[in-house]
Amino acid sequence: ITMFVYMAFLYLKNKYPNDGGRYATNEELLKAFLAEFHAKIVFFEKVAGVISYYCYTPLWMGEGAIDGHRINLHIAFSSAQCSVGTPIIFGGF
């Protein structure tokens, strides 16, 4: 699944290229990821300048749980980067 997420990221990056100095906003990328993976945001949090969206997509069989919520897609943004992981982003952001 990690390779699938990476390939989807490359697809979306090409779908929203640098257009005259303008990159896709975090909101545009979030909407694109949610649409591409048919995912719904379960909950989100903002900690130390990083906003994390914990999502669920029916496209994948694996999942984890946080506070009883089924999670299998984690999308996080800082001012400088976007990271995507499944079921969540492990390690540092």
N, C-alpha and C. Protein backbone atom coordinates (compact mmCIF):
# COMPACT_ATOMS: atom_id res chain seq x y z
N ILE A 1 0.83 -1.19 0.00
CA ILE A 1 0.00 0.00 0.00
C ILE A 1 0.87 1.25 0.00
N THR A 2 2.04 1.21 0.62
CA THR A 2 2.90 2.38 0.66
C THR A 2 3.26 2.82 -0.75
N MET A 3 3.57 1.87 -1.64
CA MET A 3 3.90 2.22 -3.02
C MET A 3 2.69 2.84 -3.70
N PHE A 4 1.49 2.33 -3.41
CA PHE A 4 0.26 2.88 -3.98
C PHE A 4 0.09 4.34 -3.56
N VAL A 5 0.32 4.62 -2.29
CA VAL A 5 0.21 5.99 -1.79
C VAL A 5 1.22 6.88 -2.48
N TYR A 6 2.45 6.39 -2.63
CA TYR A 6 3.49 7.17 -3.29
C TYR A 6 3.12 7.44 -4.74
N MET A 7 2.63 6.43 -5.44
CA MET A 7 2.23 6.61 -6.84
C MET A 7 1.08 7.60 -6.95
N ALA A 8 0.14 7.52 -6.03
CA ALA A 8 -0.98 8.47 -6.03
C ALA A 8 -0.47 9.89 -5.77
N PHE A 9 0.52 10.01 -4.89
CA PHE A 9 1.09 11.32 -4.62
C PHE A 9 1.73 11.89 -5.88
N LEU A 10 2.47 11.06 -6.61
CA LEU A 10 3.09 11.53 -7.84
C LEU A 10 2.03 11.92 -8.87
N TYR A 11 0.97 11.14 -8.95
CA TYR A 11 -0.13 11.45 -9.86
C TYR A 11 -0.73 12.80 -9.52
N LEU A 12 -1.01 13.02 -8.25
CA LEU A 12 -1.61 14.29 -7.84
C LEU A 12 -0.64 15.45 -8.01
N LYS A 13 0.65 15.19 -7.78
CA LYS A 13 1.64 16.24 -7.98
C LYS A 13 1.66 16.67 -9.43
N ASN A 14 1.55 15.72 -10.35
CA ASN A 14 1.51 16.04 -11.77
C ASN A 14 0.19 16.70 -12.16
N LYS A 15 -0.87 16.36 -11.45
CA LYS A 15 -2.18 16.93 -11.71
C LYS A 15 -2.23 18.39 -11.27
N TYR A 16 -1.44 18.73 -10.25
CA TYR A 16 -1.38 20.09 -9.72
C TYR A 16 0.06 20.60 -9.80
N PRO A 17 0.58 20.78 -11.01
CA PRO A 17 1.98 21.18 -11.14
C PRO A 17 2.19 22.65 -10.77
N ASN A 18 3.45 23.03 -10.69
CA ASN A 18 3.81 24.42 -10.50
C ASN A 18 3.35 25.18 -11.74
N ASP A 19 2.43 26.08 -11.57
CA ASP A 19 1.85 26.83 -12.69
C ASP A 19 2.25 28.29 -12.55
N GLY A 20 3.37 28.65 -13.17
CA GLY A 20 3.81 30.03 -13.08
C GLY A 20 4.17 30.45 -11.67
N GLY A 21 4.76 29.55 -10.90
CA GLY A 21 5.16 29.87 -9.54
C GLY A 21 4.11 29.51 -8.50
N ARG A 22 2.94 29.02 -8.94
CA ARG A 22 1.88 28.67 -7.99
C ARG A 22 1.79 27.16 -7.85
N TYR A 23 1.98 26.67 -6.64
CA TYR A 23 1.79 25.26 -6.34
C TYR A 23 0.38 25.07 -5.78
N ALA A 24 -0.09 23.86 -5.79
CA ALA A 24 -1.38 23.57 -5.18
C ALA A 24 -1.34 23.93 -3.71
N THR A 25 -2.43 24.46 -3.20
CA THR A 25 -2.51 24.76 -1.78
C THR A 25 -2.72 23.46 -1.00
N ASN A 26 -2.50 23.52 0.30
CA ASN A 26 -2.76 22.34 1.14
C ASN A 26 -4.21 21.91 1.01
N GLU A 27 -5.11 22.87 0.97
CA GLU A 27 -6.54 22.54 0.84
C GLU A 27 -6.83 21.83 -0.48
N GLU A 28 -6.23 22.28 -1.57
CA GLU A 28 -6.42 21.62 -2.86
C GLU A 28 -5.87 20.21 -2.85
N LEU A 29 -4.67 20.04 -2.26
CA LEU A 29 -4.09 18.70 -2.18
C LEU A 29 -4.94 17.79 -1.30
N LEU A 30 -5.42 18.28 -0.16
CA LEU A 30 -6.26 17.48 0.71
C LEU A 30 -7.52 17.03 -0.04
N LYS A 31 -8.19 17.94 -0.71
CA LYS A 31 -9.39 17.59 -1.47
C LYS A 31 -9.08 16.56 -2.55
N ALA A 32 -7.93 16.72 -3.21
CA ALA A 32 -7.55 15.78 -4.26
C ALA A 32 -7.27 14.39 -3.69
N PHE A 33 -6.53 14.32 -2.56
CA PHE A 33 -6.28 13.03 -1.93
C PHE A 33 -7.58 12.35 -1.50
N LEU A 34 -8.47 13.12 -0.87
CA LEU A 34 -9.74 12.55 -0.42
C LEU A 34 -10.55 12.03 -1.60
N ALA A 35 -10.59 12.77 -2.68
CA ALA A 35 -11.34 12.34 -3.87
C ALA A 35 -10.68 11.11 -4.50
N GLU A 36 -9.37 11.15 -4.64
CA GLU A 36 -8.65 10.05 -5.30
C GLU A 36 -8.82 8.73 -4.54
N PHE A 37 -8.82 8.80 -3.21
CA PHE A 37 -8.92 7.59 -2.40
C PHE A 37 -10.33 7.31 -1.88
N HIS A 38 -11.31 8.12 -2.30
CA HIS A 38 -12.70 7.97 -1.84
C HIS A 38 -12.73 7.95 -0.31
N ALA A 39 -11.95 8.84 0.28
CA ALA A 39 -11.77 8.85 1.73
C ALA A 39 -12.60 9.93 2.40
N LYS A 40 -12.89 9.71 3.66
CA LYS A 40 -13.59 10.67 4.51
C LYS A 40 -12.69 11.01 5.69
N ILE A 41 -12.69 12.27 6.09
CA ILE A 41 -11.95 12.67 7.28
C ILE A 41 -12.70 12.18 8.51
N VAL A 42 -12.01 11.44 9.36
CA VAL A 42 -12.61 10.95 10.60
C VAL A 42 -12.43 12.01 11.69
N PHE A 43 -11.21 12.53 11.82
CA PHE A 43 -10.95 13.65 12.72
C PHE A 43 -9.62 14.27 12.31
N PHE A 44 -9.35 15.45 12.85
CA PHE A 44 -8.08 16.11 12.58
C PHE A 44 -7.58 16.76 13.85
N GLU A 45 -6.27 17.06 13.84
CA GLU A 45 -5.66 17.75 14.97
C GLU A 45 -4.53 18.62 14.47
N LYS A 46 -4.24 19.67 15.21
CA LYS A 46 -3.12 20.54 14.89
C LYS A 46 -2.19 20.57 16.09
N VAL A 47 -0.95 20.14 15.87
CA VAL A 47 0.05 20.07 16.93
C VAL A 47 1.37 20.61 16.39
N ALA A 48 1.94 21.56 17.07
CA ALA A 48 3.27 22.11 16.73
C ALA A 48 3.37 22.53 15.27
N GLY A 49 2.35 23.17 14.75
CA GLY A 49 2.38 23.67 13.38
C GLY A 49 2.09 22.64 12.31
N VAL A 50 1.76 21.42 12.71
CA VAL A 50 1.42 20.36 11.75
C VAL A 50 -0.05 20.02 11.92
N ILE A 51 -0.79 20.06 10.82
CA ILE A 51 -2.20 19.66 10.88
C ILE A 51 -2.31 18.28 10.26
N SER A 52 -2.88 17.36 11.03
CA SER A 52 -3.02 15.96 10.61
C SER A 52 -4.49 15.62 10.41
N TYR A 53 -4.77 15.01 9.27
CA TYR A 53 -6.12 14.54 8.96
C TYR A 53 -6.09 13.01 9.00
N TYR A 54 -6.87 12.45 9.89
CA TYR A 54 -6.97 11.00 10.03
C TYR A 54 -8.23 10.58 9.28
N CYS A 55 -8.05 9.73 8.29
CA CYS A 55 -9.12 9.42 7.35
C CYS A 55 -9.37 7.93 7.25
N TYR A 56 -10.49 7.61 6.60
CA TYR A 56 -10.82 6.21 6.31
C TYR A 56 -11.25 6.12 4.86
N THR A 57 -10.69 5.13 4.16
CA THR A 57 -11.09 4.84 2.79
C THR A 57 -11.55 3.39 2.71
N PRO A 58 -12.67 3.13 2.05
CA PRO A 58 -13.12 1.75 1.88
C PRO A 58 -12.33 0.98 0.82
N LEU A 59 -11.43 1.66 0.12
CA LEU A 59 -10.64 1.02 -0.94
C LEU A 59 -9.61 0.04 -0.40
N TRP A 60 -9.20 0.21 0.87
CA TRP A 60 -8.14 -0.62 1.44
C TRP A 60 -8.70 -1.46 2.57
N MET A 61 -8.17 -2.68 2.68
CA MET A 61 -8.67 -3.59 3.70
C MET A 61 -8.02 -3.36 5.06
N GLY A 62 -6.76 -2.95 5.09
CA GLY A 62 -6.07 -2.75 6.36
C GLY A 62 -6.52 -1.48 7.05
N GLU A 63 -6.44 -1.49 8.36
CA GLU A 63 -6.80 -0.30 9.11
C GLU A 63 -6.20 -0.36 10.50
N GLY A 64 -6.17 0.78 11.14
CA GLY A 64 -5.78 0.88 12.53
C GLY A 64 -6.92 1.56 13.27
N ALA A 65 -6.73 1.78 14.54
CA ALA A 65 -7.76 2.45 15.33
C ALA A 65 -7.11 3.45 16.27
N ILE A 66 -7.71 4.61 16.36
CA ILE A 66 -7.30 5.64 17.31
C ILE A 66 -8.55 6.07 18.05
N ASP A 67 -8.54 5.90 19.35
CA ASP A 67 -9.70 6.23 20.18
C ASP A 67 -10.99 5.62 19.64
N GLY A 68 -10.89 4.40 19.14
CA GLY A 68 -12.06 3.70 18.64
C GLY A 68 -12.47 4.06 17.23
N HIS A 69 -11.74 4.96 16.58
CA HIS A 69 -12.05 5.36 15.21
C HIS A 69 -11.22 4.55 14.22
N ARG A 70 -11.86 4.02 13.20
CA ARG A 70 -11.13 3.28 12.16
C ARG A 70 -10.38 4.27 11.27
N ILE A 71 -9.09 4.03 11.13
CA ILE A 71 -8.21 4.92 10.37
C ILE A 71 -7.37 4.06 9.42
N ASN A 72 -7.26 4.48 8.16
CA ASN A 72 -6.32 3.80 7.28
C ASN A 72 -5.64 4.74 6.28
N LEU A 73 -5.80 6.04 6.51
CA LEU A 73 -5.11 7.03 5.67
C LEU A 73 -4.84 8.26 6.54
N HIS A 74 -3.60 8.68 6.57
CA HIS A 74 -3.17 9.82 7.38
C HIS A 74 -2.51 10.82 6.44
N ILE A 75 -3.03 12.04 6.41
CA ILE A 75 -2.49 13.10 5.57
C ILE A 75 -2.10 14.25 6.49
N ALA A 76 -0.85 14.69 6.41
CA ALA A 76 -0.37 15.74 7.31
C ALA A 76 0.32 16.84 6.52
N PHE A 77 0.10 18.07 6.96
CA PHE A 77 0.70 19.24 6.32
C PHE A 77 1.42 20.08 7.35
N SER A 78 2.59 20.56 6.97
CA SER A 78 3.26 21.62 7.70
C SER A 78 3.37 22.78 6.71
N SER A 79 4.02 23.84 7.11
CA SER A 79 4.18 24.96 6.17
C SER A 79 5.09 24.61 5.01
N ALA A 80 5.91 23.57 5.16
CA ALA A 80 6.90 23.24 4.14
C ALA A 80 6.67 21.93 3.41
N GLN A 81 5.81 21.05 3.92
CA GLN A 81 5.68 19.74 3.27
C GLN A 81 4.34 19.09 3.53
N CYS A 82 4.09 18.06 2.74
CA CYS A 82 2.91 17.21 2.89
C CYS A 82 3.40 15.78 3.00
N SER A 83 2.86 15.02 3.94
CA SER A 83 3.19 13.61 4.07
C SER A 83 1.90 12.80 4.10
N VAL A 84 1.97 11.61 3.51
CA VAL A 84 0.82 10.71 3.47
C VAL A 84 1.30 9.34 3.90
N GLY A 85 0.52 8.68 4.75
CA GLY A 85 0.88 7.35 5.21
C GLY A 85 -0.34 6.50 5.44
N THR A 86 -0.11 5.21 5.53
CA THR A 86 -1.20 4.28 5.81
C THR A 86 -0.70 3.19 6.72
N PRO A 87 -1.39 2.82 7.77
CA PRO A 87 -2.63 3.45 8.23
C PRO A 87 -2.38 4.83 8.84
N ILE A 88 -1.18 5.07 9.39
CA ILE A 88 -0.81 6.41 9.85
C ILE A 88 0.64 6.64 9.49
N ILE A 89 1.07 7.89 9.59
CA ILE A 89 2.47 8.22 9.35
C ILE A 89 3.26 7.81 10.58
N PHE A 90 4.23 6.94 10.40
CA PHE A 90 5.07 6.50 11.51
C PHE A 90 6.39 7.23 11.48
N GLY A 91 6.99 7.43 12.62
CA GLY A 91 8.24 8.16 12.69
C GLY A 91 7.98 9.64 12.73
N GLY A 92 8.98 10.43 12.46
CA GLY A 92 8.84 11.89 12.49
C GLY A 92 8.22 12.43 11.24
N PHE A 93 7.65 13.59 11.37
CA PHE A 93 7.06 14.25 10.20
C PHE A 93 8.07 15.23 9.66
